[in-house]
Amino acid sequence: MTTPLSLIARKGQLKGLAGELVAGGAAAARFYTGLPPALPSDAPGSATLLGTILLATPVGVVGSSGDLALLTLTVPRVAAASASGTIGWVRFVNAAGDGFMDLEAGLAGSGKPVIVNVLEIFANGELQLVACIIAE
């Protein structure tokens, strides 16, 4: 059963998530091909890791829009891709590599929570996280 939470409580959850993500060191966004597994604690399966981008510290800002609590990540963040392929999803991990959440990625205007500059990535090419807003 899901417990309904107030906007203040949902903002608190996102602040806790942001804090735990960077506790113990740099958090990262790992970009993969295909579809995410059922849970962020599950192995990525046959998905190819295309690259990893270290996140800023602090990781972002918590705010709200209407009745939504929002965690807006500090961007842009850029890294070199480690493999070639089409971005499908992103796993956010802490410094120990523990998965926190898996989110779909897309281009600006796609409505996806993670926005990248391009979906088709080439090894040693630029991988750029343009925007990310996590809503509760």
C-alpha atoms as a PDB file:
ATOM      1  CA  MET A   1       0.000   0.000   0.000  1.00  0.00           C
ATOM      2  CA  THR A   2       1.309   3.440  -0.902  1.00  0.00           C
ATOM      3  CA  THR A   3       1.171   6.111   1.777  1.00  0.00           C
ATOM      4  CA  PRO A   4       0.154   9.526   0.467  1.00  0.00           C
ATOM      5  CA  LEU A   5       2.708  12.151   1.456  1.00  0.00           C
ATOM      6  CA  SER A   6       2.492  15.923   1.597  1.00  0.00           C
ATOM      7  CA  LEU A   7       4.598  18.109  -0.675  1.00  0.00           C
ATOM      8  CA  ILE A   8       6.889  18.900   2.273  1.00  0.00           C
ATOM      9  CA  ALA A   9       7.421  15.186   2.940  1.00  0.00           C
ATOM     10  CA  ARG A  10       8.125  14.435  -0.736  1.00  0.00           C
ATOM     11  CA  LYS A  11      10.648  17.287  -0.855  1.00  0.00           C
ATOM     12  CA  GLY A  12      12.251  15.763   2.242  1.00  0.00           C
ATOM     13  CA  GLN A  13      12.477  12.402   0.476  1.00  0.00           C
ATOM     14  CA  LEU A  14      14.238  14.000  -2.475  1.00  0.00           C
ATOM     15  CA  LYS A  15      16.643  15.884  -0.182  1.00  0.00           C
ATOM     16  CA  GLY A  16      17.422  12.576   1.521  1.00  0.00           C
ATOM     17  CA  LEU A  17      17.950  10.878  -1.841  1.00  0.00           C
ATOM     18  CA  ALA A  18      20.303  13.646  -2.984  1.00  0.00           C
ATOM     19  CA  GLY A  19      22.254  13.480   0.272  1.00  0.00           C
ATOM     20  CA  GLU A  20      22.562   9.683   0.296  1.00  0.00           C
ATOM     21  CA  LEU A  21      23.584   9.635  -3.362  1.00  0.00           C
ATOM     22  CA  VAL A  22      26.720  11.700  -2.681  1.00  0.00           C
ATOM     23  CA  ALA A  23      27.443  10.392   0.834  1.00  0.00           C
ATOM     24  CA  GLY A  24      30.861   8.762   0.826  1.00  0.00           C
ATOM     25  CA  GLY A  25      32.036  10.296  -2.454  1.00  0.00           C
ATOM     26  CA  ALA A  26      31.094  11.206  -5.975  1.00  0.00           C
ATOM     27  CA  ALA A  27      27.826   9.928  -7.404  1.00  0.00           C
ATOM     28  CA  ALA A  28      27.560   9.032 -11.061  1.00  0.00           C
ATOM     29  CA  ALA A  29      25.129   8.533 -13.918  1.00  0.00           C
ATOM     30  CA  ARG A  30      25.770   5.369 -15.955  1.00  0.00           C
ATOM     31  CA  PHE A  31      24.318   5.371 -19.464  1.00  0.00           C
ATOM     32  CA  TYR A  32      23.142   2.063 -20.978  1.00  0.00           C
ATOM     33  CA  THR A  33      21.578   0.669 -24.139  1.00  0.00           C
ATOM     34  CA  GLY A  34      18.216  -1.110 -24.158  1.00  0.00           C
ATOM     35  CA  LEU A  35      15.744  -1.222 -21.297  1.00  0.00           C
ATOM     36  CA  PRO A  36      16.420  -1.083 -17.548  1.00  0.00           C
ATOM     37  CA  PRO A  37      15.998  -4.140 -15.322  1.00  0.00           C
ATOM     38  CA  ALA A  38      13.092  -4.377 -12.855  1.00  0.00           C
ATOM     39  CA  LEU A  39      15.035  -2.830  -9.962  1.00  0.00           C
ATOM     40  CA  PRO A  40      18.105  -0.558  -9.651  1.00  0.00           C
ATOM     41  CA  SER A  41      19.695  -3.246  -7.482  1.00  0.00           C
ATOM     42  CA  ASP A  42      19.457  -5.753 -10.370  1.00  0.00           C
ATOM     43  CA  ALA A  43      22.367  -6.246 -12.775  1.00  0.00           C
ATOM     44  CA  PRO A  44      21.954  -4.391 -16.093  1.00  0.00           C
ATOM     45  CA  GLY A  45      21.617  -7.710 -17.933  1.00  0.00           C
ATOM     46  CA  SER A  46      22.535  -7.564 -21.604  1.00  0.00           C
ATOM     47  CA  ALA A  47      22.586  -3.755 -21.686  1.00  0.00           C
ATOM     48  CA  THR A  48      25.880  -2.188 -22.777  1.00  0.00           C
ATOM     49  CA  LEU A  49      27.438   0.455 -20.547  1.00  0.00           C
ATOM     50  CA  LEU A  50      28.068   3.386 -22.899  1.00  0.00           C
ATOM     51  CA  GLY A  51      29.709   5.711 -20.404  1.00  0.00           C
ATOM     52  CA  THR A  52      29.702   7.207 -16.942  1.00  0.00           C
ATOM     53  CA  ILE A  53      29.352  10.840 -15.944  1.00  0.00           C
ATOM     54  CA  LEU A  54      30.317  11.978 -12.449  1.00  0.00           C
ATOM     55  CA  LEU A  55      27.683  14.155 -10.827  1.00  0.00           C
ATOM     56  CA  ALA A  56      28.294  17.499  -9.167  1.00  0.00           C
ATOM     57  CA  THR A  57      28.401  17.918  -5.395  1.00  0.00           C
ATOM     58  CA  PRO A  58      25.868  18.978  -4.301  1.00  0.00           C
ATOM     59  CA  VAL A  59      24.052  16.793  -6.805  1.00  0.00           C
ATOM     60  CA  GLY A  60      21.244  19.269  -7.376  1.00  0.00           C
ATOM     61  CA  VAL A  61      18.517  21.454  -5.925  1.00  0.00           C
ATOM     62  CA  VAL A  62      15.193  20.396  -4.419  1.00  0.00           C
ATOM     63  CA  GLY A  63      12.191  22.587  -5.113  1.00  0.00           C
ATOM     64  CA  SER A  64       8.608  22.313  -6.232  1.00  0.00           C
ATOM     65  CA  SER A  65       6.269  23.151  -9.058  1.00  0.00           C
ATOM     66  CA  GLY A  66       2.597  23.077  -8.176  1.00  0.00           C
ATOM     67  CA  ASP A  67       2.054  19.863  -6.192  1.00  0.00           C
ATOM     68  CA  LEU A  68       5.239  18.171  -7.466  1.00  0.00           C
ATOM     69  CA  ALA A  69       8.451  17.929  -5.464  1.00  0.00           C
ATOM     70  CA  LEU A  70      11.422  18.213  -7.850  1.00  0.00           C
ATOM     71  CA  LEU A  71      15.108  17.334  -7.663  1.00  0.00           C
ATOM     72  CA  THR A  72      16.848  19.210 -10.478  1.00  0.00           C
ATOM     73  CA  LEU A  73      20.369  17.907 -11.062  1.00  0.00           C
ATOM     74  CA  THR A  74      23.270  20.290 -11.549  1.00  0.00           C
ATOM     75  CA  VAL A  75      24.074  20.168 -15.286  1.00  0.00           C
ATOM     76  CA  PRO A  76      25.526  20.105 -17.864  1.00  0.00           C
ATOM     77  CA  ARG A  77      27.897  17.247 -17.118  1.00  0.00           C
ATOM     78  CA  VAL A  78      30.158  15.813 -19.836  1.00  0.00           C
ATOM     79  CA  ALA A  79      32.395  12.742 -20.219  1.00  0.00           C
ATOM     80  CA  ALA A  80      33.908  10.619 -22.970  1.00  0.00           C
ATOM     81  CA  ALA A  81      31.850   7.588 -23.982  1.00  0.00           C
ATOM     82  CA  SER A  82      33.429   4.195 -23.335  1.00  0.00           C
ATOM     83  CA  ALA A  83      31.426   2.316 -25.990  1.00  0.00           C
ATOM     84  CA  SER A  84      29.192   2.920 -28.995  1.00  0.00           C
ATOM     85  CA  GLY A  85      25.414   2.469 -29.028  1.00  0.00           C
ATOM     86  CA  THR A  86      22.048   4.116 -28.491  1.00  0.00           C
ATOM     87  CA  ILE A  87      21.225   5.439 -25.023  1.00  0.00           C
ATOM     88  CA  GLY A  88      18.095   3.877 -23.561  1.00  0.00           C
ATOM     89  CA  TRP A  89      18.348   4.461 -19.841  1.00  0.00           C
ATOM     90  CA  VAL A  90      20.490   5.826 -17.028  1.00  0.00           C
ATOM     91  CA  ARG A  91      21.352   4.337 -13.621  1.00  0.00           C
ATOM     92  CA  PHE A  92      22.268   6.742 -10.825  1.00  0.00           C
ATOM     93  CA  VAL A  93      24.796   5.205  -8.428  1.00  0.00           C
ATOM     94  CA  ASN A  94      26.641   6.270  -5.296  1.00  0.00           C
ATOM     95  CA  ALA A  95      30.432   6.152  -4.856  1.00  0.00           C
ATOM     96  CA  ALA A  96      30.239   2.440  -3.970  1.00  0.00           C
ATOM     97  CA  GLY A  97      28.352   1.713  -7.210  1.00  0.00           C
ATOM     98  CA  ASP A  98      25.034   0.968  -5.483  1.00  0.00           C
ATOM     99  CA  GLY A  99      22.101   1.633  -7.807  1.00  0.00           C
ATOM    100  CA  PHE A 100      19.681   4.306  -6.589  1.00  0.00           C
ATOM    101  CA  MET A 101      17.322   4.651  -9.530  1.00  0.00           C
ATOM    102  CA  ASP A 102      16.995   3.833 -13.199  1.00  0.00           C
ATOM    103  CA  LEU A 103      15.437   6.447 -15.488  1.00  0.00           C
ATOM    104  CA  GLU A 104      14.655   6.593 -19.190  1.00  0.00           C
ATOM    105  CA  ALA A 105      16.730   8.971 -21.298  1.00  0.00           C
ATOM    106  CA  GLY A 106      15.712  11.004 -24.311  1.00  0.00           C
ATOM    107  CA  LEU A 107      16.256  14.173 -26.271  1.00  0.00           C
ATOM    108  CA  ALA A 108      14.870  17.594 -25.367  1.00  0.00           C
ATOM    109  CA  GLY A 109      11.095  17.577 -25.809  1.00  0.00           C
ATOM    110  CA  SER A 110      10.819  13.795 -25.340  1.00  0.00           C
ATOM    111  CA  GLY A 111       9.247  14.065 -21.890  1.00  0.00           C
ATOM    112  CA  LYS A 112      11.861  11.701 -20.441  1.00  0.00           C
ATOM    113  CA  PRO A 113      13.346  12.577 -17.029  1.00  0.00           C
ATOM    114  CA  VAL A 114      16.952  12.424 -18.308  1.00  0.00           C
ATOM    115  CA  ILE A 115      17.812  14.633 -21.278  1.00  0.00           C
ATOM    116  CA  VAL A 116      20.963  14.065 -23.356  1.00  0.00           C
ATOM    117  CA  ASN A 117      22.391  15.988 -26.305  1.00  0.00           C
ATOM    118  CA  VAL A 118      22.302  12.932 -28.636  1.00  0.00           C
ATOM    119  CA  LEU A 119      21.078   9.343 -28.277  1.00  0.00           C
ATOM    120  CA  GLU A 120      23.579   7.704 -30.635  1.00  0.00           C
ATOM    121  CA  ILE A 121      26.934   7.586 -28.848  1.00  0.00           C
ATOM    122  CA  PHE A 122      30.330   6.624 -30.262  1.00  0.00           C
ATOM    123  CA  ALA A 123      33.278   5.319 -28.232  1.00  0.00           C
ATOM    124  CA  ASN A 124      35.539   8.199 -27.140  1.00  0.00           C
ATOM    125  CA  GLY A 125      32.908  10.693 -28.318  1.00  0.00           C
ATOM    126  CA  GLU A 126      31.130  13.198 -26.087  1.00  0.00           C
ATOM    127  CA  LEU A 127      28.461  11.981 -23.704  1.00  0.00           C
ATOM    128  CA  GLN A 128      26.508  14.920 -22.268  1.00  0.00           C
ATOM    129  CA  LEU A 129      23.843  15.020 -19.582  1.00  0.00           C
ATOM    130  CA  VAL A 130      21.851  18.125 -20.530  1.00  0.00           C
ATOM    131  CA  ALA A 131      19.071  18.022 -17.910  1.00  0.00           C
ATOM    132  CA  CYS A 132      17.526  15.766 -15.295  1.00  0.00           C
ATOM    133  CA  ILE A 133      14.490  16.428 -13.153  1.00  0.00           C
ATOM    134  CA  ILE A 134      13.268  13.788 -10.739  1.00  0.00           C
ATOM    135  CA  ALA A 135       9.671  14.360  -9.643  1.00  0.00           C
ATOM    136  CA  GLU A 136       7.755  12.951  -6.685  1.00  0.00           C
END
